[in-house]
Amino acid sequence: MKKREKTAREAKNPSTKRRVLIGLGAGVVVLALVAGGAVWFGNRHQNQNVEDRTRTATVEKTSLVSAFVISGTLGYGDVHTLGGGGGVVTKIPQAGDTIKAGEIIMEVEGVPVFLLSGELPLWRDIAPGVSGPDVASVRAALASLGLDAGQPGNQTYDDALSAAIAVMYSRAGHSVVPPSSTLDTERTEAQSALNKAKEDLTAAQTDLTNARNRRPSQSAIVSADNDVNEARRTYEEALRGNCASVCTQADIVRAQEALNLAQATRNELDQPPNTASEQAGVTTAQRAVTEAQTVVNRLSMNTIGPKSAIIVSEPEIRIHNVTAKVGLTAGDSVLTWTRPVLYGHVDLTEAQRRLISDETKAIMKLPDGTEIEGEVGGITESRLDPQTNQTIPAKARISIADPTEGDALEVSAITVSFIQDEVEESLVVPVTALMALAEGGYCVELVDGTLIRVEIGLVADTRVQVFSDQLNAGDEVIVP
C-alpha cells in the first residue's frame, strides 16, 4: 500500500497516522527521538472498533512534577556525645530539653556551664595571657550571640573578650565584675586573701583537734585523788571531834566544803575537754574562706574554660539522653544530643547523589499518606570508615519547609520524592495521546477527528506537558 504524508491541519482520515509507543522507566518518563530515524506510519483500518476510537482523556491545566522516590526516615539525625570538664555535677538538663547557644546547659559544683556554638572544643581556660585559635573560636562564638567580643579572628585574650564573657554571664543572671585596669591586681589580692583564709582555717581546725584530744596528766589525777582523800579525812576527823581544839560547827562546815571542792576538781578531770573557744575559731575561719572564695569566683567569671563552657557545632541542640547524675563527676560522657528539629534522612547511591544538590525540593510522605514539602538542607558524601573498612553511603538531610508542621510530627519511616523538574498551570495530556506526524513533531486527536499539532515539554508519571494555541483545558482527546 502506498504511504501518503499529510500535515496536522490536512489530516482528517485516521488512516494517515499511527500512535507512537512511549517508553517509561525508573519513575521518570523519557521521550527518545532517534535523529535521522524513520517513523513508521501504518494505516488505521477504516472500520476500527468504535469503542477503541471513543476512549478519551480530558486535557488538564495543572502542575506536573518529575521526581525519583527513595525510602528514608523522619528523625532528629545523628546522636552526639557531650562531655564535661570535671568536677561534681550539681544540676543537669532533662531528655527532650532544647538548649540554645548562650544558655546554661548544666551546673558543676554550683557554677553554670554555658553552651556555645563553634568549631573548636575548649581544652584550656581562656584568660589573660592566653593566645591561640581557641581564643578566636570563643570570640566568634560570643559574637554569634550578638556580643561585642572584639576584632574577629584575634587570637589573643583582651579586654573586649573579657567584657563579652561578662555580658554573657550577666544575661544568664550571674553578677560579674567588668574588666578594668586594676582587674589583675584585684584578682591577685583576692587569691592571696583566699589563701590566707584557708591557712587560718587549717590552723583553727588543728587547734580544735588538739583541744578535743587534750587529756589531764597522770600526776594531776594522782594529786587530785590525794586532795580528795585528805579532805575526806579532815572532814571525818571533824565529825568525831578530833580537832586541834574543841571542834565547832563552823569547823565541820569548812571541812565539808573543802571535801566538796576537792571532789569537784577531781570530777572535772574525767569530763571531755571544753572546746567551745576552738570551735568558735573554726566557724569564724570557715566564714572568712567562704567570703574570700566568693570574691575570687566573682572576679574569675571573666574567663571561660572546659569547666564553664561546652562548644558544639550547632546553634541549638536537643537533649537526647542524660548519662551523668547529680553528685557524680562530669566526665567524658555527660549527655547525648541531636539537632532540635525533625528532618528527613535518606541514604543515597552514587547515581542518586549526582541527581540532587542543596535546596533540591522534595516531598516527604508519611505512612498515613500525609505529604510534607521540604528541601535538601545538607549532603554528606560517601566515605570509607577506617575502623570497619566499610563504605558509609552518601546521605541527604531534608528540611521541612514549614517548621510549624514538624511540631505535630514524630519519628517515622517516610518515602521521599526528590523533585527533578516541575511546571505549574500547564496543559497536560496522557503520553499515549501523542501521535507522531510524518513531517516531524507531534499532535493529538480530538474526538471529532481533528488533529492538533502540539509542542511537548516535561514528561512525568505517564503524562506530558503540551503547548498549542488550538488546545484548551477541558478538550477531549483520543487515547488508544
Protein backbone atom coordinates (compact mmCIF):
# COMPACT_ATOMS: atom_id res chain seq x y z
CA MET A 1 0.00 0.00 0.00
CA LYS A 2 1.45 3.38 -0.97
CA LYS A 3 2.17 5.63 2.01
CA ARG A 4 0.88 9.22 1.90
CA GLU A 5 2.04 12.06 4.16
CA LYS A 6 -0.30 14.78 5.44
CA THR A 7 0.14 17.71 7.82
CA ALA A 8 -1.82 18.03 11.07
CA ARG A 9 -4.15 20.61 9.61
CA GLU A 10 -4.84 18.47 6.49
CA ALA A 11 -5.25 15.19 8.36
CA LYS A 12 -8.88 14.15 8.77
CA ASN A 13 -8.72 10.49 7.88
CA PRO A 14 -7.37 8.37 10.77
CA SER A 15 -5.63 6.05 8.27
CA THR A 16 -2.93 8.71 7.80
CA LYS A 17 -1.44 8.43 11.30
CA ARG A 18 -0.34 5.96 13.93
CA ARG A 19 0.40 6.42 17.60
CA VAL A 20 3.98 6.11 18.82
CA LEU A 21 4.95 3.91 21.77
CA ILE A 22 6.49 5.94 24.57
CA GLY A 23 8.94 4.11 26.88
CA LEU A 24 8.61 4.51 30.64
CA GLY A 25 11.36 3.69 33.22
CA ALA A 26 12.78 4.45 36.72
CA GLY A 27 9.79 6.55 37.65
CA VAL A 28 10.69 9.21 35.08
CA VAL A 29 9.27 9.11 31.56
CA VAL A 30 11.72 9.86 28.79
CA LEU A 31 10.75 10.52 25.17
CA ALA A 32 13.58 9.41 22.87
CA LEU A 33 13.60 10.52 19.26
CA VAL A 34 16.33 8.95 17.14
CA ALA A 35 17.93 11.53 14.85
CA GLY A 36 17.63 10.54 11.19
CA GLY A 37 15.49 7.53 12.04
CA ALA A 38 12.42 6.65 10.06
CA VAL A 39 8.95 6.90 11.63
CA TRP A 40 6.73 4.03 10.65
CA PHE A 41 3.21 5.04 9.80
CA GLY A 42 0.75 2.25 9.29
CA ASN A 43 -2.77 2.60 8.08
CA ARG A 44 -5.51 2.51 10.64
CA HIS A 45 -8.22 0.15 9.50
CA GLN A 46 -11.26 2.04 8.30
CA ASN A 47 -13.66 0.00 10.37
CA GLN A 48 -11.61 0.47 13.62
CA ASN A 49 -13.57 -0.65 16.65
CA VAL A 50 -15.77 2.24 17.75
CA GLU A 51 -15.13 1.55 21.40
CA ASP A 52 -11.34 1.93 20.88
CA ARG A 53 -11.80 5.19 18.99
CA THR A 54 -14.01 6.69 21.64
CA ARG A 55 -11.65 6.14 24.59
CA THR A 56 -10.75 9.68 25.56
CA ALA A 57 -8.88 11.75 28.13
CA THR A 58 -9.57 15.29 29.25
CA VAL A 59 -6.90 17.93 28.66
CA GLU A 60 -5.96 19.33 32.08
CA LYS A 61 -4.38 22.57 33.18
CA THR A 62 -2.37 21.54 36.20
CA SER A 63 1.08 21.08 37.68
CA LEU A 64 3.44 18.33 36.59
CA VAL A 65 6.36 17.03 38.60
CA SER A 66 9.26 14.80 37.60
CA ALA A 67 10.89 13.06 40.58
CA PHE A 68 12.66 9.93 41.83
CA VAL A 69 11.50 8.25 45.04
CA ILE A 70 13.52 6.50 47.77
CA SER A 71 12.83 5.38 51.34
CA GLY A 72 14.09 7.22 54.39
CA THR A 73 13.25 8.24 57.95
CA LEU A 74 11.91 11.31 59.67
CA GLY A 75 14.02 11.88 62.77
CA TYR A 76 16.44 14.12 64.65
CA GLY A 77 19.56 12.83 62.93
CA ASP A 78 22.89 11.68 64.32
CA VAL A 79 23.35 11.37 68.08
CA HIS A 80 26.44 13.11 69.52
CA THR A 81 28.14 12.65 72.89
CA LEU A 82 28.88 15.66 75.08
CA GLY A 83 31.42 15.56 77.93
CA GLY A 84 32.25 17.82 80.85
CA GLY A 85 35.45 19.33 82.18
CA GLY A 86 35.48 17.53 85.53
CA GLY A 87 34.04 18.48 88.88
CA VAL A 88 30.90 17.28 90.65
CA VAL A 89 27.66 17.70 88.70
CA THR A 90 25.08 19.69 90.67
CA LYS A 91 22.41 20.32 88.01
CA ILE A 92 21.62 18.57 84.70
CA PRO A 93 19.02 19.02 81.93
CA GLN A 94 16.26 16.56 81.05
CA ALA A 95 15.93 14.44 77.91
CA GLY A 96 13.87 16.34 75.33
CA ASP A 97 15.02 19.79 76.51
CA THR A 98 16.22 22.20 73.82
CA ILE A 99 19.11 24.49 74.68
CA LYS A 100 20.39 27.39 72.62
CA ALA A 101 23.90 28.75 72.45
CA GLY A 102 24.44 31.24 75.26
CA GLU A 103 22.16 29.35 77.65
CA ILE A 104 23.21 27.29 80.68
CA ILE A 105 23.27 23.56 79.91
CA MET A 106 24.17 22.31 83.42
CA GLU A 107 25.94 23.26 86.65
CA VAL A 108 29.12 21.81 88.11
CA GLU A 109 29.80 22.46 91.80
CA GLY A 110 27.19 25.21 91.66
CA VAL A 111 28.92 27.03 88.78
CA PRO A 112 26.99 27.46 85.48
CA VAL A 113 28.23 25.70 82.35
CA PHE A 114 27.28 27.54 79.15
CA LEU A 115 26.54 26.07 75.71
CA LEU A 116 28.35 27.79 72.85
CA SER A 117 28.35 27.16 69.11
CA GLY A 118 31.68 26.87 67.33
CA GLU A 119 34.18 24.66 65.55
CA LEU A 120 36.85 24.07 68.21
CA PRO A 121 36.30 22.47 71.62
CA LEU A 122 37.65 24.15 74.76
CA TRP A 123 40.70 22.40 76.17
CA ARG A 124 42.06 25.15 78.46
CA ASP A 125 40.99 28.29 80.26
CA ILE A 126 40.69 31.36 78.05
CA ALA A 127 42.15 34.00 80.35
CA PRO A 128 44.63 36.90 80.41
CA GLY A 129 47.91 35.96 78.72
CA VAL A 130 46.40 33.18 76.57
CA SER A 131 46.70 33.21 72.77
CA GLY A 132 45.73 30.71 70.08
CA PRO A 133 42.98 29.59 67.67
CA ASP A 134 40.76 28.55 70.59
CA VAL A 135 40.69 32.21 71.71
CA ALA A 136 39.48 33.24 68.24
CA SER A 137 36.91 30.42 68.31
CA VAL A 138 35.47 31.63 71.62
CA ARG A 139 35.44 35.18 70.30
CA ALA A 140 33.44 34.08 67.25
CA ALA A 141 31.06 32.03 69.41
CA LEU A 142 30.32 35.06 71.61
CA ALA A 143 29.95 37.30 68.57
CA SER A 144 27.31 34.90 67.18
CA LEU A 145 25.28 35.66 70.32
CA GLY A 146 25.25 39.33 69.35
CA LEU A 147 28.01 40.25 71.82
CA ASP A 148 30.81 42.69 71.04
CA ALA A 149 33.74 40.31 71.51
CA GLY A 150 36.40 42.42 69.78
CA GLN A 151 38.22 42.07 66.49
CA PRO A 152 37.11 38.89 64.63
CA GLY A 153 39.94 36.42 64.26
CA ASN A 154 42.01 37.98 67.07
CA GLN A 155 43.73 35.04 68.77
CA THR A 156 44.81 36.90 71.93
CA TYR A 157 42.70 37.34 75.06
CA ASP A 158 41.89 41.02 75.60
CA ASP A 159 39.54 43.34 77.45
CA ALA A 160 36.88 43.10 74.70
CA LEU A 161 36.72 39.33 75.04
CA SER A 162 36.63 39.60 78.83
CA ALA A 163 33.78 42.10 78.60
CA ALA A 164 31.80 39.81 76.26
CA ILE A 165 32.20 36.91 78.69
CA ALA A 166 30.97 39.16 81.49
CA VAL A 167 27.89 40.16 79.49
CA MET A 168 27.08 36.50 78.76
CA TYR A 169 27.13 35.73 82.48
CA SER A 170 25.07 38.83 83.20
CA ARG A 171 22.43 37.82 80.64
CA ALA A 172 22.12 34.49 82.43
CA GLY A 173 21.53 36.23 85.75
CA HIS A 174 25.05 35.95 87.20
CA SER A 175 26.71 39.11 88.51
CA VAL A 176 30.25 39.68 87.29
CA VAL A 177 32.83 42.45 87.60
CA PRO A 178 33.53 44.18 84.28
CA PRO A 179 37.16 44.40 83.22
CA SER A 180 39.19 47.36 84.46
CA SER A 181 42.81 48.48 84.63
CA THR A 182 43.02 47.07 88.15
CA LEU A 183 41.41 43.69 87.35
CA ASP A 184 44.62 41.68 87.55
CA THR A 185 45.56 43.35 90.84
CA GLU A 186 42.13 42.65 92.27
CA ARG A 187 42.38 39.02 91.27
CA THR A 188 45.83 38.66 92.84
CA GLU A 189 44.71 40.30 96.08
CA ALA A 190 41.55 38.19 96.19
CA GLN A 191 43.52 34.99 95.67
CA SER A 192 46.01 35.98 98.37
CA ALA A 193 43.15 36.68 100.77
CA LEU A 194 41.64 33.30 99.96
CA ASN A 195 44.97 31.54 100.55
CA LYS A 196 45.39 33.32 103.92
CA ALA A 197 41.83 32.45 104.93
CA LYS A 198 42.44 28.80 104.08
CA GLU A 199 45.65 28.80 106.16
CA ASP A 200 43.77 30.33 109.11
CA LEU A 201 41.08 27.70 108.75
CA THR A 202 43.66 24.92 108.76
CA ALA A 203 45.22 26.34 111.94
CA ALA A 204 41.83 26.68 113.64
CA GLN A 205 40.92 23.12 112.74
CA THR A 206 44.26 21.93 114.17
CA ASP A 207 43.58 23.80 117.43
CA LEU A 208 40.14 22.20 117.65
CA THR A 209 41.57 18.73 117.04
CA ASN A 210 44.21 19.25 119.72
CA ALA A 211 41.63 20.54 122.16
CA ARG A 212 39.43 17.51 121.63
CA ASN A 213 42.40 15.22 122.22
CA ARG A 214 43.52 17.09 125.33
CA ARG A 215 43.61 14.86 128.49
CA PRO A 216 44.87 15.52 132.13
CA SER A 217 48.26 14.10 133.04
CA GLN A 218 48.53 11.11 135.35
CA SER A 219 50.28 13.20 138.03
CA ALA A 220 47.38 15.67 138.01
CA ILE A 221 44.94 12.81 138.51
CA VAL A 222 47.01 11.36 141.43
CA SER A 223 47.33 14.79 143.03
CA ALA A 224 43.56 15.36 142.74
CA ASP A 225 42.86 11.94 144.26
CA ASN A 226 45.21 12.75 147.18
CA ASP A 227 43.46 16.08 147.73
CA VAL A 228 40.09 14.29 147.85
CA ASN A 229 41.38 11.71 150.34
CA GLU A 230 42.97 14.34 152.59
CA ALA A 231 39.81 16.49 152.56
CA ARG A 232 37.67 13.44 153.37
CA ARG A 233 39.96 12.52 156.32
CA THR A 234 39.82 16.06 157.71
CA TYR A 235 36.05 16.11 157.42
CA GLU A 236 35.69 12.76 159.17
CA GLU A 237 38.01 13.88 161.98
CA ALA A 238 35.94 17.00 162.43
CA LEU A 239 32.80 14.91 162.73
CA ARG A 240 34.46 12.84 165.50
CA GLY A 241 35.63 15.97 167.31
CA ASN A 242 39.27 15.33 166.72
CA CYS A 243 40.25 18.93 166.17
CA ALA A 244 43.27 20.77 167.48
CA SER A 245 40.86 22.40 169.96
CA VAL A 246 37.16 21.94 170.51
CA CYS A 247 35.51 21.25 167.10
CA THR A 248 32.85 23.80 166.38
CA GLN A 249 30.07 23.53 163.87
CA ALA A 250 31.93 26.02 161.70
CA ASP A 251 34.92 23.70 161.61
CA ILE A 252 32.74 20.86 160.36
CA VAL A 253 31.16 23.06 157.64
CA ARG A 254 34.57 24.23 156.42
CA ALA A 255 35.83 20.64 156.25
CA GLN A 256 32.78 19.57 154.21
CA GLU A 257 33.20 22.48 151.79
CA ALA A 258 36.88 21.58 151.30
CA LEU A 259 35.86 17.98 150.57
CA ASN A 260 33.22 19.08 148.03
CA LEU A 261 35.73 21.33 146.25
CA ALA A 262 38.34 18.60 146.05
CA GLN A 263 35.78 16.14 144.68
CA ALA A 264 34.57 18.65 142.06
CA THR A 265 38.12 19.30 140.95
CA ARG A 266 38.67 15.58 140.58
CA ASN A 267 35.44 15.11 138.62
CA GLU A 268 36.43 17.79 136.11
CA LEU A 269 39.43 15.70 135.16
CA ASP A 270 37.02 12.95 133.95
CA GLN A 271 34.90 15.31 131.76
CA PRO A 272 35.51 15.86 127.98
CA PRO A 273 37.62 18.92 127.29
CA ASN A 274 35.85 22.22 126.73
CA THR A 275 36.42 23.15 123.04
CA ALA A 276 33.88 25.97 122.70
CA SER A 277 36.58 28.54 122.06
CA GLU A 278 38.32 26.44 119.45
CA GLN A 279 35.01 25.63 117.71
CA ALA A 280 34.20 29.33 117.51
CA GLY A 281 37.58 29.90 115.90
CA VAL A 282 36.88 27.27 113.22
CA THR A 283 33.46 28.81 112.47
CA THR A 284 34.98 32.24 112.03
CA ALA A 285 37.73 30.88 109.76
CA GLN A 286 35.23 28.97 107.59
CA ARG A 287 33.17 32.14 107.12
CA ALA A 288 36.29 34.00 106.01
CA VAL A 289 37.13 31.28 103.45
CA THR A 290 33.60 31.39 102.01
CA GLU A 291 33.70 35.16 101.66
CA ALA A 292 37.15 35.09 100.05
CA GLN A 293 36.09 32.31 97.63
CA THR A 294 33.04 34.33 96.60
CA VAL A 295 35.26 37.27 95.69
CA VAL A 296 37.63 35.03 93.70
CA ASN A 297 34.72 33.39 91.83
CA ARG A 298 33.19 36.74 91.02
CA LEU A 299 36.44 38.10 89.63
CA SER A 300 37.13 34.87 87.70
CA MET A 301 33.87 34.91 85.70
CA ASN A 302 35.56 36.98 83.02
CA THR A 303 37.44 33.86 81.97
CA ILE A 304 35.99 30.78 80.32
CA GLY A 305 37.20 27.20 80.01
CA PRO A 306 36.26 23.49 79.90
CA LYS A 307 34.57 23.68 83.31
CA SER A 308 32.42 26.68 82.42
CA ALA A 309 31.54 26.23 78.74
CA ILE A 310 30.97 23.48 76.18
CA ILE A 311 31.23 24.19 72.46
CA VAL A 312 29.17 22.24 69.90
CA SER A 313 28.75 22.66 66.14
CA GLU A 314 25.06 23.67 66.27
CA PRO A 315 23.41 26.92 67.47
CA GLU A 316 20.74 24.88 69.27
CA ILE A 317 20.58 21.27 70.45
CA ARG A 318 18.01 18.81 71.74
CA ILE A 319 18.97 16.65 74.72
CA HIS A 320 18.66 13.03 73.58
CA ASN A 321 19.74 11.24 76.75
CA VAL A 322 21.43 12.20 80.03
CA THR A 323 24.11 9.81 81.28
CA ALA A 324 25.52 11.93 84.13
CA LYS A 325 23.94 12.09 87.57
CA VAL A 326 23.91 14.79 90.21
CA GLY A 327 26.71 14.14 92.66
CA LEU A 328 28.95 12.34 90.18
CA THR A 329 31.91 13.70 88.22
CA ALA A 330 31.31 15.43 84.88
CA GLY A 331 33.48 13.13 82.76
CA ASP A 332 33.81 12.38 79.06
CA SER A 333 30.13 11.39 78.70
CA VAL A 334 27.61 13.67 80.38
CA LEU A 335 24.78 13.52 77.84
CA THR A 336 23.95 12.88 74.19
CA TRP A 337 22.33 15.38 71.86
CA THR A 338 20.83 15.79 68.40
CA ARG A 339 19.61 18.61 66.23
CA PRO A 340 16.49 20.16 67.76
CA VAL A 341 14.06 19.68 64.85
CA LEU A 342 12.84 16.74 62.81
CA TYR A 343 14.43 16.20 59.40
CA GLY A 344 14.07 13.69 56.63
CA HIS A 345 17.14 11.45 56.30
CA VAL A 346 17.99 9.17 53.36
CA ASP A 347 20.96 7.13 52.18
CA LEU A 348 21.96 7.73 48.56
CA THR A 349 23.62 5.69 45.88
CA GLU A 350 26.29 7.45 43.85
CA ALA A 351 23.85 7.82 40.95
CA GLN A 352 21.18 9.33 43.21
CA ARG A 353 23.74 11.62 44.81
CA ARG A 354 24.51 13.14 41.41
CA LEU A 355 20.84 13.96 40.82
CA ILE A 356 20.39 16.26 43.84
CA SER A 357 22.07 19.27 45.45
CA ASP A 358 21.42 21.63 48.33
CA GLU A 359 17.97 23.25 48.04
CA THR A 360 16.62 20.49 45.78
CA LYS A 361 12.89 20.36 46.51
CA ALA A 362 11.45 17.18 48.00
CA ILE A 363 8.14 15.73 49.14
CA MET A 364 8.16 13.53 52.25
CA LYS A 365 5.26 11.09 52.52
CA LEU A 366 4.29 9.62 55.90
CA PRO A 367 2.79 6.13 56.36
CA ASP A 368 -0.69 7.67 56.77
CA GLY A 369 -0.39 9.37 53.37
CA THR A 370 0.38 12.85 54.69
CA GLU A 371 2.74 14.74 52.37
CA ILE A 372 5.19 17.34 53.70
CA GLU A 373 7.08 19.77 51.50
CA GLY A 374 10.78 20.21 52.11
CA GLU A 375 14.15 20.75 50.51
CA VAL A 376 17.62 19.28 50.78
CA GLY A 377 19.40 21.08 53.62
CA GLY A 378 22.68 19.21 53.58
CA ILE A 379 24.51 16.36 51.86
CA THR A 380 27.37 14.25 53.20
CA GLU A 381 29.48 12.40 50.66
CA SER A 382 30.13 8.66 50.87
CA ARG A 383 33.31 7.73 52.73
CA LEU A 384 35.29 4.76 53.97
CA ASP A 385 35.05 4.01 57.70
CA PRO A 386 38.67 3.29 58.74
CA GLN A 387 37.54 1.21 61.72
CA THR A 388 35.22 -1.17 59.87
CA ASN A 389 36.68 -0.74 56.36
CA GLN A 390 33.07 -0.37 55.19
CA THR A 391 31.77 2.31 52.85
CA ILE A 392 29.37 4.72 54.54
CA PRO A 393 26.88 5.86 51.87
CA ALA A 394 26.19 9.45 50.97
CA LYS A 395 23.34 10.92 52.99
CA ALA A 396 20.89 13.74 52.42
CA ARG A 397 19.08 15.75 55.07
CA ILE A 398 15.70 17.20 54.07
CA SER A 399 14.43 20.23 55.97
CA ILE A 400 10.69 20.71 56.46
CA ALA A 401 9.64 23.80 54.51
CA ASP A 402 7.12 24.92 57.15
CA PRO A 403 8.75 24.36 60.59
CA THR A 404 5.38 24.55 62.32
CA GLU A 405 4.38 21.30 60.59
CA GLY A 406 7.16 19.50 62.45
CA ASP A 407 5.68 20.32 65.85
CA ALA A 408 2.97 17.68 65.46
CA LEU A 409 5.20 15.01 63.88
CA GLU A 410 7.10 12.10 65.38
CA VAL A 411 9.96 9.89 64.31
CA SER A 412 8.68 7.80 61.40
CA ALA A 413 9.53 5.92 58.22
CA ILE A 414 8.92 8.00 55.09
CA THR A 415 9.25 7.92 51.33
CA VAL A 416 10.98 10.92 49.76
CA SER A 417 10.34 12.21 46.25
CA PHE A 418 13.20 14.40 45.04
CA ILE A 419 11.85 16.87 42.51
CA GLN A 420 13.89 16.89 39.30
CA ASP A 421 11.68 19.26 37.30
CA GLU A 422 8.33 20.94 37.81
CA VAL A 423 5.87 23.04 35.84
CA GLU A 424 2.74 24.78 37.06
CA GLU A 425 -0.54 25.67 35.38
CA SER A 426 0.27 23.99 32.08
CA LEU A 427 -1.76 21.87 29.67
CA VAL A 428 -1.21 18.17 30.35
CA VAL A 429 -2.34 15.05 28.46
CA PRO A 430 -1.52 11.33 28.78
CA VAL A 431 1.66 10.36 26.94
CA THR A 432 -0.33 7.78 24.96
CA ALA A 433 -2.47 10.57 23.50
CA LEU A 434 0.53 11.77 21.43
CA MET A 435 0.84 10.86 17.75
CA ALA A 436 3.94 11.36 15.62
CA LEU A 437 3.47 13.34 12.41
CA ALA A 438 5.12 12.34 9.17
CA GLU A 439 6.63 15.81 8.75
CA GLY A 440 8.02 15.62 12.32
CA GLY A 441 6.67 16.62 15.66
CA TYR A 442 3.57 15.51 17.48
CA CYS A 443 -0.16 16.02 17.53
CA VAL A 444 -3.23 14.97 19.48
CA GLU A 445 -6.59 13.94 18.03
CA LEU A 446 -9.82 15.49 19.20
CA VAL A 447 -12.96 13.36 19.40
CA ASP A 448 -14.22 14.85 16.13
CA GLY A 449 -11.10 13.60 14.34
CA THR A 450 -9.30 16.96 14.21
CA LEU A 451 -5.54 16.73 14.63
CA ILE A 452 -3.91 19.49 16.70
CA ARG A 453 -0.16 19.94 16.42
CA VAL A 454 1.48 20.33 19.84
CA GLU A 455 4.92 21.04 21.23
CA ILE A 456 5.90 18.86 24.17
CA GLY A 457 7.62 19.82 27.42
CA LEU A 458 8.12 17.97 30.69
CA VAL A 459 7.16 14.30 30.74
CA ALA A 460 6.45 12.58 34.08
CA ASP A 461 4.23 9.92 35.58
CA THR A 462 2.85 8.83 32.15
CA ARG A 463 1.74 12.40 31.45
CA VAL A 464 3.25 15.08 29.23
CA GLN A 465 3.18 18.87 29.14
CA VAL A 466 1.90 20.18 25.76
CA PHE A 467 1.77 23.61 24.10
CA SER A 468 -0.78 24.66 21.45
CA ASP A 469 -2.89 27.73 20.80
CA GLN A 470 -5.63 25.43 19.45
CA LEU A 471 -5.88 23.23 22.52
CA ASN A 472 -7.71 24.19 25.70
CA ALA A 473 -8.25 22.73 29.15
CA GLY A 474 -11.37 20.55 29.06
CA ASP A 475 -10.94 19.36 25.49
CA GLU A 476 -11.30 15.61 24.99
CA VAL A 477 -8.52 13.79 23.13
CA ILE A 478 -8.41 10.24 21.81
CA VAL A 479 -6.36 7.71 23.81
CA PRO A 480 -5.88 4.19 22.33
